[in-house]
Amino acid sequence: MSILKVAVPSPLSRTFDYLPPLGQPENALLPGSRLSVPFGRGRKVGILLGVESHSDLPLSRLRRADAILDPEPTLPSDLMHLARWASRYYHHPIGEVMSACLPTALRRLHDTMTGVRPSAQARYYQITEAGHAVNCELLKRAPLQRKLFNTLKASKAGCSGEQLAALGTSWRTAVRALIDRGLVVEHVVSTVAPREVGAQVHGRDSQPVLHDEQHTAAETLKRALGCFSVTLLEGVTGSGKTEVYLRLVQACLEQAQQVLILVPEIGLTPQLIERFRKRFTCRIELLHSGTTDRERLRVWQEAKAGQIQIVIGTRSAVFTPFKSLGSIIVDEEHDLSFKQQDGFRYHARDLAVIRGRERQCPVLLGSATPSLESLANVASGRYRHLSLLQRAGGAQPPQIGLLDVRRRAMHEGLSEGLLELIAEHLQQKGQILLFLNRRGFAPVLMCHDCGWSADCPRCDAHMTLHLKSHRLRCHHCGSERAVPVSCPECALENMVLVGQGTERIEAAIAARFPSARVIRIDRDNTRRKGQLESLLAQATAGEADILIGTQMLAKGHHFPRVTLVGILDVDRGLFSADFRATEHVAQLVVQVSGRAGREGRQGRVVIQTHQPDNPLLQVLVRQGYPAFARDALEERKVAELAPFNHLALLRAEATDSKQPRNYLQAVRAMIQQMAMEDVWALGPAVAPMERIAGRYRWQLLIQSPQRKHLHRLLDELRPALETLPASRKVRWSLDVDPVTLL
């Protein structure tokens, strides 16, 4: 008897055995197909991994799958291989990994049965072999099913959905019932013709002349098409990396191949897609958190059918299926946003590399500030390295300087020296960008008399004042409350605001420069659809004199009129318990600085700091990011830290502060008993922020100089993590290759 091996989304690290659906032909049981299966007291959508003839359970205990939901496999073989690899590498349940590969609409049984359909596909229905052998009298109690069945049986070519709709308004429910019984099969037919090899792809924008470094990089990448390779394109900000991307994409399109472009944040997509749409006439689509479930499903299915040539998306777009994938481009490959920080904790950049290997296509990683991991892969010969050291169009690099604010008067976080520079650049008709990676008005509301502060009742954090909504909000758990008029402790009305957020900087700038046009861009004022695109368009068109924003504004954008960049609070990132903090600060400083002086006029960058002698800042200002990266890699090597040591972080949390500690202590004891070669555990230790959303957090760091030794231990440890008695009292997670220890 056939036994179905099914991946069902659940926290259990195993597959589940089911009997085939009744009336389903054997040739319809294809790996990658979705199944409706009973699970617990409900039903879930699972992925068929394979069919075997044996089960470890007796047949009497096996439940039968309800139905196969797809006439052909939903997940193609390369995505199946990618999911299996990711499940093994990140030690995450295969069912949840397979589910993460699907758009949300295909994970939910309700959406599957109600029939969400892409716009560029048509559905045709035919009688199956089993259906031809069935007497239609069996359907006499379902008149509409019988009517549809007889119509389809009389048509050798089958019928379209439009033809069946004429038979009754409930035809979808009836035909789905026939499909579930194995009497009818559904076929998906593309209504968009695939692009021919060598077809015209150029849009209305002409191609600029490449400088020598761009030309060398573009030609090298074109020669790499057709086989797997990984190339790190390291280019200073404004060096024209995007133009190199465009040339590679053009080469793929001329060979009738598709391209996947991954960007770290939704904020980087508007300008990028605009450049691509001006250059190419083919279909280009977006996938990001602002995309609706229906839009995401449509793009997912049409890319799989080969109807979309270019997909630009954030990290989950790495799971998009393609008919003929020619290249994968990861822009800003160093960015932390490519790492999923909850649930299935994958890194999209690393999965892109594995995906390229599966599809035998080149992978291009681009950044002005490459991650130390990628630079280490270049040094070891695993990645090719291409450099763009000069800015495009003859633009000069900005002048970067440190502004010592010690013992100087500050006006709402702005030094007098910076304010004078702002006035100077406004007079010269230059655009100013002020960067502060903290939204809201003030991070702390405090009583000046007794010292009370507005703390989050569920987290070890202060609540941030948002002046426009007049609310206190916790940026960790999302809780909020009204701003108190008087102090809850002493009842006096002497409340003061400590620290600055982007709202407060906006108010201070408006008061100091009342005639200046100011635009603030952060998560608070870009929540509605289209707001971000509108604000970026205004900034690019010069409709603002001063731009204020968080990292949404800092990376990847081209603001041709910006001549002055002010970085307001770099010191906060210099003192952190995370060993990667200096790398992240250096990358952010360089990325923000790169917004200045991109066209024609000389740019200037001013970094306000109380630590002007800090070695990190000195190296960045005097020698640039490459020198910092060399020093940082040497420090990591001596300290035996990543990328020269491989890490896994086991986190545990509970409402009782003792339970996560006890659980991790039991795990550490198990690791010590295993006595694995070159693997050791550090901790358990309380997390840098112990309490978030009312739960106490502890963590255990597991590390090894050999990746294979670390994974050998995790292979043995992972099943035991579920069975430890203490595991029932905590919520735990395993993070392989963590990008932050906070």
Foldseek 3Di string as FASTA:
>chain_A
DKWWFKQADDQDQGTATAAEAAQADPVQQDFQWWFWADDDPRTWIITTHDIDDDDPDDPVPHYHTQATLASDHPADPLLVVLLVVLCLQQVGRSNNSSLLLDQPLVGDPVSSLVDQDAPFKWKWKAFDPSLVVDDLVVCVVPVLLSVQSVVRVVDPVTGTPVVSCVSDVCSSNSVVVCNSNNGMGMDIGGNADQDDAQDDWFAQDDQDDADPLLVVLLVVQLVLWPFEAEAEEAEFQQLCPLSSVLSNLVSQVNGSAAEEEEELDPLQPLVSVVVSVRTTVAAEEEDEPVDDSSRVNNQLVCQQVNRHRYYYYYQSCLSRHHPGHTEYEYEQLQDPSQFDDDRSTDRSLVSNSSSCNSNRHYYYYYDNFHDLQVVVCVVVPRHHYGYRYDHPPRFDAAAEDEDACPPADADQLHGPVVVVVLVVCVVVVFAEEEEDAFAAFFQWKAAPPPTDIQPDPFFPGGFGQHPVVQWTADPFAGDIDHDDCADPPPRHRRIDGHHGHLVNVVVRCCVVCVVFFEDEDECVQCVDPPRSSVSLVCQQVSVGRYYYYYVSPQANRARQRHAEYEYRDLPVQVDDPWLCSLSVSQRRQSSNSSNHRSPDDHHYYYYYDNCNPPPSVVCCNPPNSVVVSVVSVVVCVVVVHPPQKWKKKKKKKALDQVLRQVLVVVLQVVLVVVVFPQKHKDDFDWAPTQGGRNMGMTMIMMMGSDSVSSSVSCVVSSNVSCVDPSNVRIDMGMGTRDPTRD
